[in-house]
Structures are given as structure tokens and as C-alpha cells.
N, C-alpha and C. Protein backbone atom coordinates (compact mmCIF):
# COMPACT_ATOMS: atom_id res chain seq x y z
N MET A 1 181.94 185.78 134.71
CA MET A 1 181.13 184.59 134.56
C MET A 1 180.28 184.71 133.31
N ASP A 2 180.40 183.75 132.43
CA ASP A 2 179.59 183.83 131.21
C ASP A 2 178.28 183.05 131.39
N PHE A 3 177.49 183.00 130.35
CA PHE A 3 176.16 182.39 130.40
C PHE A 3 176.22 180.92 130.80
N TRP A 4 177.14 180.18 130.23
CA TRP A 4 177.19 178.74 130.48
C TRP A 4 177.62 178.42 131.90
N ASP A 5 178.46 179.25 132.50
CA ASP A 5 178.82 179.05 133.91
C ASP A 5 177.60 179.22 134.80
N VAL A 6 176.83 180.26 134.53
CA VAL A 6 175.61 180.50 135.31
C VAL A 6 174.60 179.38 135.06
N PHE A 7 174.48 178.95 133.81
CA PHE A 7 173.55 177.88 133.46
C PHE A 7 173.87 176.61 134.24
N TRP A 8 175.13 176.19 134.22
CA TRP A 8 175.51 174.97 134.93
C TRP A 8 175.32 175.12 136.43
N LEU A 9 175.59 176.31 136.93
CA LEU A 9 175.45 176.55 138.36
C LEU A 9 173.98 176.46 138.79
N LEU A 10 173.12 177.18 138.09
CA LEU A 10 171.71 177.28 138.50
C LEU A 10 170.87 176.07 138.10
N ILE A 11 171.12 175.51 136.96
CA ILE A 11 170.27 174.44 136.45
C ILE A 11 170.75 173.06 136.86
N ILE A 12 172.03 172.87 136.98
CA ILE A 12 172.56 171.54 137.24
C ILE A 12 173.14 171.41 138.65
N PHE A 13 174.08 172.23 139.01
CA PHE A 13 174.84 172.04 140.24
C PHE A 13 174.01 172.28 141.49
N ILE A 14 173.26 173.36 141.58
CA ILE A 14 172.49 173.68 142.78
C ILE A 14 171.40 172.64 143.04
N PRO A 15 170.61 172.21 142.03
CA PRO A 15 169.65 171.14 142.31
C PRO A 15 170.30 169.84 142.75
N LEU A 16 171.43 169.47 142.15
CA LEU A 16 172.14 168.26 142.58
C LEU A 16 172.63 168.39 144.02
N LEU A 17 173.11 169.56 144.38
CA LEU A 17 173.56 169.81 145.74
C LEU A 17 172.39 169.71 146.72
N MET A 18 171.23 170.22 146.33
CA MET A 18 170.05 170.14 147.19
C MET A 18 169.58 168.69 147.36
N ILE A 19 169.60 167.91 146.30
CA ILE A 19 169.20 166.50 146.40
C ILE A 19 170.20 165.73 147.26
N TRP A 20 171.46 166.02 147.11
CA TRP A 20 172.49 165.39 147.93
C TRP A 20 172.28 165.71 149.40
N GLY A 21 172.01 166.98 149.69
CA GLY A 21 171.73 167.38 151.07
C GLY A 21 170.48 166.72 151.61
N PHE A 22 169.43 166.63 150.78
CA PHE A 22 168.20 165.96 151.19
C PHE A 22 168.47 164.51 151.55
N ALA A 23 169.27 163.83 150.76
CA ALA A 23 169.56 162.43 151.02
C ALA A 23 170.30 162.28 152.35
N LEU A 24 171.27 163.14 152.62
CA LEU A 24 172.01 163.06 153.88
C LEU A 24 171.10 163.33 155.08
N VAL A 25 170.27 164.35 154.97
CA VAL A 25 169.34 164.66 156.07
C VAL A 25 168.36 163.51 156.25
N ASP A 26 167.87 162.94 155.16
CA ASP A 26 166.91 161.84 155.24
C ASP A 26 167.54 160.61 155.89
N ILE A 27 168.79 160.36 155.61
CA ILE A 27 169.47 159.21 156.22
C ILE A 27 169.48 159.36 157.74
N PHE A 28 169.78 160.54 158.23
CA PHE A 28 169.86 160.74 159.67
C PHE A 28 168.50 160.78 160.35
N ARG A 29 167.46 161.16 159.63
CA ARG A 29 166.12 161.25 160.22
C ARG A 29 165.40 159.91 160.26
N ARG A 30 165.85 158.93 159.52
CA ARG A 30 165.17 157.64 159.46
C ARG A 30 165.27 156.91 160.79
N ASP A 31 164.17 156.34 161.24
CA ASP A 31 164.20 155.55 162.47
C ASP A 31 164.12 154.06 162.19
N ASP A 32 164.01 153.70 160.91
CA ASP A 32 163.91 152.29 160.56
C ASP A 32 165.24 151.69 160.12
N MET A 33 166.33 152.45 160.24
CA MET A 33 167.65 151.96 159.88
C MET A 33 168.54 151.96 161.12
N SER A 34 169.42 150.96 161.19
CA SER A 34 170.36 150.90 162.30
C SER A 34 171.49 151.91 162.08
N GLY A 35 172.28 152.11 163.12
CA GLY A 35 173.38 153.06 163.03
C GLY A 35 174.42 152.67 162.00
N TRP A 36 174.71 151.35 161.89
CA TRP A 36 175.70 150.90 160.92
C TRP A 36 175.20 151.09 159.50
N LEU A 37 173.93 150.85 159.28
CA LEU A 37 173.38 151.04 157.95
C LEU A 37 173.37 152.53 157.57
N LYS A 38 173.08 153.38 158.54
CA LYS A 38 173.14 154.83 158.28
C LYS A 38 174.57 155.25 157.93
N ALA A 39 175.54 154.73 158.69
CA ALA A 39 176.94 155.07 158.43
C ALA A 39 177.35 154.60 157.03
N LEU A 40 176.91 153.41 156.65
CA LEU A 40 177.23 152.89 155.33
C LEU A 40 176.64 153.78 154.23
N TRP A 41 175.36 154.17 154.40
CA TRP A 41 174.74 155.03 153.40
C TRP A 41 175.42 156.40 153.32
N VAL A 42 175.81 156.95 154.46
CA VAL A 42 176.51 158.25 154.45
C VAL A 42 177.82 158.14 153.68
N ILE A 43 178.56 157.07 153.92
CA ILE A 43 179.82 156.87 153.20
C ILE A 43 179.57 156.74 151.69
N VAL A 44 178.55 155.95 151.33
CA VAL A 44 178.24 155.78 149.90
C VAL A 44 177.85 157.12 149.27
N VAL A 45 177.03 157.89 149.95
CA VAL A 45 176.57 159.17 149.39
C VAL A 45 177.70 160.17 149.31
N ILE A 46 178.59 160.18 150.29
CA ILE A 46 179.69 161.15 150.26
C ILE A 46 180.75 160.75 149.23
N LEU A 47 181.09 159.46 149.13
CA LEU A 47 182.13 159.04 148.20
C LEU A 47 181.67 159.07 146.74
N ALA A 48 180.40 158.81 146.51
CA ALA A 48 179.86 158.87 145.15
C ALA A 48 178.61 159.74 145.18
N PRO A 49 178.80 161.08 145.20
CA PRO A 49 177.65 161.97 145.43
C PRO A 49 176.50 161.77 144.45
N PHE A 50 176.77 161.66 143.19
CA PHE A 50 175.67 161.53 142.23
C PHE A 50 175.06 160.13 142.26
N PHE A 51 175.88 159.11 142.02
CA PHE A 51 175.37 157.75 141.95
C PHE A 51 174.95 157.21 143.32
N GLY A 52 175.69 157.56 144.36
CA GLY A 52 175.31 157.11 145.71
C GLY A 52 173.97 157.67 146.13
N THR A 53 173.75 158.95 145.85
CA THR A 53 172.47 159.58 146.17
C THR A 53 171.36 158.98 145.34
N LEU A 54 171.62 158.77 144.07
CA LEU A 54 170.61 158.17 143.19
C LEU A 54 170.23 156.77 143.67
N ILE A 55 171.22 155.97 144.01
CA ILE A 55 170.96 154.62 144.50
C ILE A 55 170.18 154.66 145.81
N TYR A 56 170.56 155.57 146.71
CA TYR A 56 169.85 155.67 147.99
C TYR A 56 168.38 156.06 147.76
N LEU A 57 168.13 157.05 146.93
CA LEU A 57 166.76 157.50 146.71
C LEU A 57 165.91 156.46 146.00
N ILE A 58 166.52 155.63 145.19
CA ILE A 58 165.76 154.57 144.50
C ILE A 58 165.43 153.43 145.46
N PHE A 59 166.39 153.03 146.29
CA PHE A 59 166.20 151.84 147.12
C PHE A 59 165.69 152.11 148.52
N ARG A 60 165.56 153.36 148.93
CA ARG A 60 165.09 153.60 150.29
C ARG A 60 163.61 153.28 150.39
N ARG A 61 163.22 152.76 151.54
CA ARG A 61 161.83 152.45 151.77
C ARG A 61 161.10 153.72 152.19
N PRO A 62 159.88 153.89 151.72
CA PRO A 62 159.13 155.06 152.17
C PRO A 62 158.76 154.90 153.64
N GLY A 63 158.73 155.97 154.34
CA GLY A 63 158.37 155.91 155.76
C GLY A 63 158.46 157.28 156.37
N ALA A 64 157.91 157.38 157.55
CA ALA A 64 157.93 158.64 158.28
C ALA A 64 158.56 158.41 159.65
N THR A 65 159.10 159.48 160.19
CA THR A 65 159.67 159.39 161.53
C THR A 65 158.53 159.32 162.54
N PRO A 66 158.81 158.90 163.77
CA PRO A 66 157.73 158.86 164.77
C PRO A 66 157.06 160.22 164.98
N ALA A 67 157.84 161.28 164.96
CA ALA A 67 157.25 162.61 165.14
C ALA A 67 156.32 162.95 163.98
N GLU A 68 156.72 162.60 162.75
CA GLU A 68 155.85 162.85 161.60
C GLU A 68 154.57 162.02 161.68
N ARG A 69 154.70 160.76 162.14
CA ARG A 69 153.51 159.92 162.30
C ARG A 69 152.55 160.51 163.32
N GLN A 70 153.07 161.00 164.43
CA GLN A 70 152.23 161.60 165.46
C GLN A 70 151.57 162.88 164.93
N ALA A 71 152.33 163.68 164.18
CA ALA A 71 151.77 164.91 163.63
C ALA A 71 150.66 164.61 162.63
N ILE A 72 150.85 163.60 161.79
CA ILE A 72 149.82 163.21 160.83
C ILE A 72 148.58 162.71 161.56
N ASP A 73 148.78 161.89 162.58
CA ASP A 73 147.65 161.36 163.34
C ASP A 73 146.88 162.48 164.04
N GLN A 74 147.60 163.41 164.65
CA GLN A 74 146.95 164.52 165.33
C GLN A 74 146.22 165.42 164.34
N ALA A 75 146.80 165.67 163.18
CA ALA A 75 146.14 166.48 162.16
C ALA A 75 144.85 165.81 161.69
N SER A 76 144.88 164.49 161.54
CA SER A 76 143.67 163.77 161.14
C SER A 76 142.59 163.88 162.21
N ARG A 77 142.98 163.73 163.46
CA ARG A 77 142.01 163.85 164.55
C ARG A 77 141.43 165.26 164.63
N ASP A 78 142.28 166.28 164.47
CA ASP A 78 141.80 167.65 164.49
C ASP A 78 140.84 167.92 163.34
N PHE A 79 141.15 167.41 162.16
CA PHE A 79 140.29 167.61 160.99
C PHE A 79 138.93 166.97 161.21
N VAL A 80 138.93 165.74 161.70
CA VAL A 80 137.66 165.04 161.93
C VAL A 80 136.84 165.76 162.99
N GLN A 81 137.50 166.20 164.06
CA GLN A 81 136.79 166.88 165.13
C GLN A 81 136.23 168.22 164.66
N LYS A 82 136.97 168.91 163.81
CA LYS A 82 136.52 170.23 163.35
C LYS A 82 135.35 170.13 162.38
N TYR A 83 135.38 169.15 161.49
CA TYR A 83 134.39 169.10 160.43
C TYR A 83 133.31 168.05 160.61
N SER A 84 133.38 167.25 161.67
CA SER A 84 132.31 166.27 161.87
C SER A 84 131.12 166.96 162.54
N PRO A 85 129.93 166.56 162.18
CA PRO A 85 128.74 167.17 162.77
C PRO A 85 128.68 166.93 164.27
N ALA A 86 128.26 167.96 165.00
CA ALA A 86 128.27 167.89 166.46
C ALA A 86 127.01 167.22 167.02
N ASP A 87 125.87 167.40 166.37
CA ASP A 87 124.65 166.82 166.90
C ASP A 87 123.96 165.97 165.83
N HIS A 88 122.88 165.31 166.23
CA HIS A 88 122.21 164.38 165.34
C HIS A 88 121.54 165.07 164.16
N ALA A 89 121.04 166.28 164.38
CA ALA A 89 120.39 167.02 163.28
C ALA A 89 121.41 167.33 162.18
N GLN A 90 122.62 167.72 162.57
CA GLN A 90 123.65 168.00 161.58
C GLN A 90 124.08 166.72 160.88
N GLN A 91 124.17 165.62 161.61
CA GLN A 91 124.53 164.35 161.01
C GLN A 91 123.49 163.93 159.97
N LEU A 92 122.21 164.11 160.31
CA LEU A 92 121.15 163.78 159.36
C LEU A 92 121.20 164.69 158.14
N ALA A 93 121.53 165.97 158.35
CA ALA A 93 121.63 166.91 157.23
C ALA A 93 122.77 166.51 156.30
N VAL A 94 123.90 166.10 156.87
CA VAL A 94 125.04 165.67 156.06
C VAL A 94 124.68 164.41 155.28
N LEU A 95 124.02 163.45 155.96
CA LEU A 95 123.61 162.22 155.28
C LEU A 95 122.64 162.52 154.14
N SER A 96 121.70 163.41 154.39
CA SER A 96 120.73 163.78 153.35
C SER A 96 121.43 164.43 152.16
N ASP A 97 122.39 165.30 152.46
CA ASP A 97 123.13 165.97 151.38
C ASP A 97 123.92 164.95 150.56
N LEU A 98 124.58 164.02 151.22
CA LEU A 98 125.33 162.98 150.51
C LEU A 98 124.39 162.11 149.67
N HIS A 99 123.23 161.81 150.21
CA HIS A 99 122.25 161.00 149.47
C HIS A 99 121.73 161.76 148.26
N ASP A 100 121.44 163.06 148.44
CA ASP A 100 120.94 163.87 147.33
C ASP A 100 121.97 164.01 146.21
N ARG A 101 123.24 164.06 146.58
CA ARG A 101 124.29 164.19 145.57
C ARG A 101 124.67 162.85 144.94
N GLY A 102 124.06 161.78 145.43
CA GLY A 102 124.33 160.46 144.85
C GLY A 102 125.55 159.77 145.40
N LYS A 103 126.09 160.27 146.49
CA LYS A 103 127.28 159.65 147.10
C LYS A 103 126.91 158.46 147.96
N LEU A 104 125.66 158.42 148.44
CA LEU A 104 125.15 157.30 149.23
C LEU A 104 124.00 156.65 148.50
N THR A 105 123.98 155.34 148.51
CA THR A 105 122.83 154.63 147.93
C THR A 105 121.67 154.70 148.91
N ASP A 106 120.49 154.27 148.46
CA ASP A 106 119.32 154.29 149.33
C ASP A 106 119.53 153.39 150.55
N ASP A 107 120.13 152.23 150.33
CA ASP A 107 120.37 151.31 151.45
C ASP A 107 121.37 151.88 152.44
N GLU A 108 122.46 152.48 151.93
CA GLU A 108 123.46 153.08 152.81
C GLU A 108 122.85 154.23 153.61
N PHE A 109 122.04 155.04 152.93
CA PHE A 109 121.39 156.16 153.60
C PHE A 109 120.46 155.67 154.71
N ALA A 110 119.67 154.64 154.41
CA ALA A 110 118.73 154.11 155.41
C ALA A 110 119.48 153.52 156.60
N THR A 111 120.57 152.81 156.33
CA THR A 111 121.36 152.21 157.41
C THR A 111 121.97 153.27 158.32
N GLU A 112 122.57 154.28 157.71
CA GLU A 112 123.21 155.35 158.50
C GLU A 112 122.17 156.18 159.24
N LYS A 113 121.03 156.43 158.61
CA LYS A 113 119.96 157.19 159.26
C LYS A 113 119.46 156.43 160.49
N ALA A 114 119.29 155.11 160.35
CA ALA A 114 118.85 154.30 161.48
C ALA A 114 119.90 154.31 162.60
N ARG A 115 121.18 154.28 162.23
CA ARG A 115 122.24 154.33 163.24
C ARG A 115 122.22 155.65 164.00
N VAL A 116 122.08 156.76 163.28
CA VAL A 116 122.05 158.08 163.93
C VAL A 116 120.83 158.21 164.82
N LEU A 117 119.68 157.78 164.33
CA LEU A 117 118.45 157.88 165.13
C LEU A 117 118.49 156.95 166.34
N ALA A 118 119.17 155.81 166.23
CA ALA A 118 119.27 154.89 167.36
C ALA A 118 120.15 155.47 168.46
N GLU A 119 121.12 156.30 168.08
CA GLU A 119 121.99 156.94 169.08
C GLU A 119 121.27 158.03 169.84
N GLN A 120 120.27 158.62 169.22
CA GLN A 120 119.56 159.76 169.81
C GLN A 120 118.68 159.25 170.95
N PRO A 121 118.82 159.81 172.16
CA PRO A 121 118.00 159.36 173.27
C PRO A 121 116.53 159.73 173.05
N GLY A 122 115.65 158.80 173.33
CA GLY A 122 114.23 159.06 173.21
C GLY A 122 113.69 158.87 171.82
N ALA A 123 114.54 158.50 170.85
CA ALA A 123 114.08 158.31 169.48
C ALA A 123 113.57 156.90 169.29
N VAL A 124 112.68 156.74 168.33
CA VAL A 124 112.12 155.42 168.04
C VAL A 124 112.87 154.78 166.91
């Protein structure tokens, strides 16, 4: 094997093969396409590997599978639960820090401070 054989193999052929495989896997994972449309895309990608894959990747709609949507939603909930302040003192400290850094205006700070204090039992 000379240099150019290795070059074509590593730089051109393997990435194209990976993109082709990605397109086929993506076709089967989509939940927004019917079975006939999936079959049509598989035929197009297999019969015209380069152009069929290119056309599929250009025209496919972005989307996630239901499992991916649930995982994203759960990750968001876990993140908020982990990093949100647990009590009113921590909430006020976070608001004060945001106000000091200029992320909250005076009006926004006053509104949020009043909301936090109104939630606190026994507060005026």
C-alpha cells in the first residue's frame, strides 16, 4: 500500500462511510417519518451512497426521538434541582449577586426580592 492508497482510505473513504452509516442509523431512529418514507430514504441512500446521503442530510428535519426528548427534559430538571437555591436566604443571595454583577436591573431585583419575601412565611 502506498501513500495515496492510505490517504484516500483515511481521509476520504472512512469519513464517507461513517456519514453514510450515520444517515442509515438516523433514518431508522426517526419517529417523525412513516415506514414507507423510511424505506424510500434507505433505498435512496443505498443506491446513491454519496448523493443520496447528502440529499438526506440536507433535507431532513431536525428532531429528537422520544427517548432523547425525555432524557433532555430529565437532565434539565436535574440541573435545575441541583443548582437552584434551596431556601429563601440562598435565593436572596443569588439575586443580590446577580444584581451586583449587573445582570438584574434595580426594578427586576426589587420585583424578585418581593416575590421571594412574599413566599417566606411570617415575612412582611
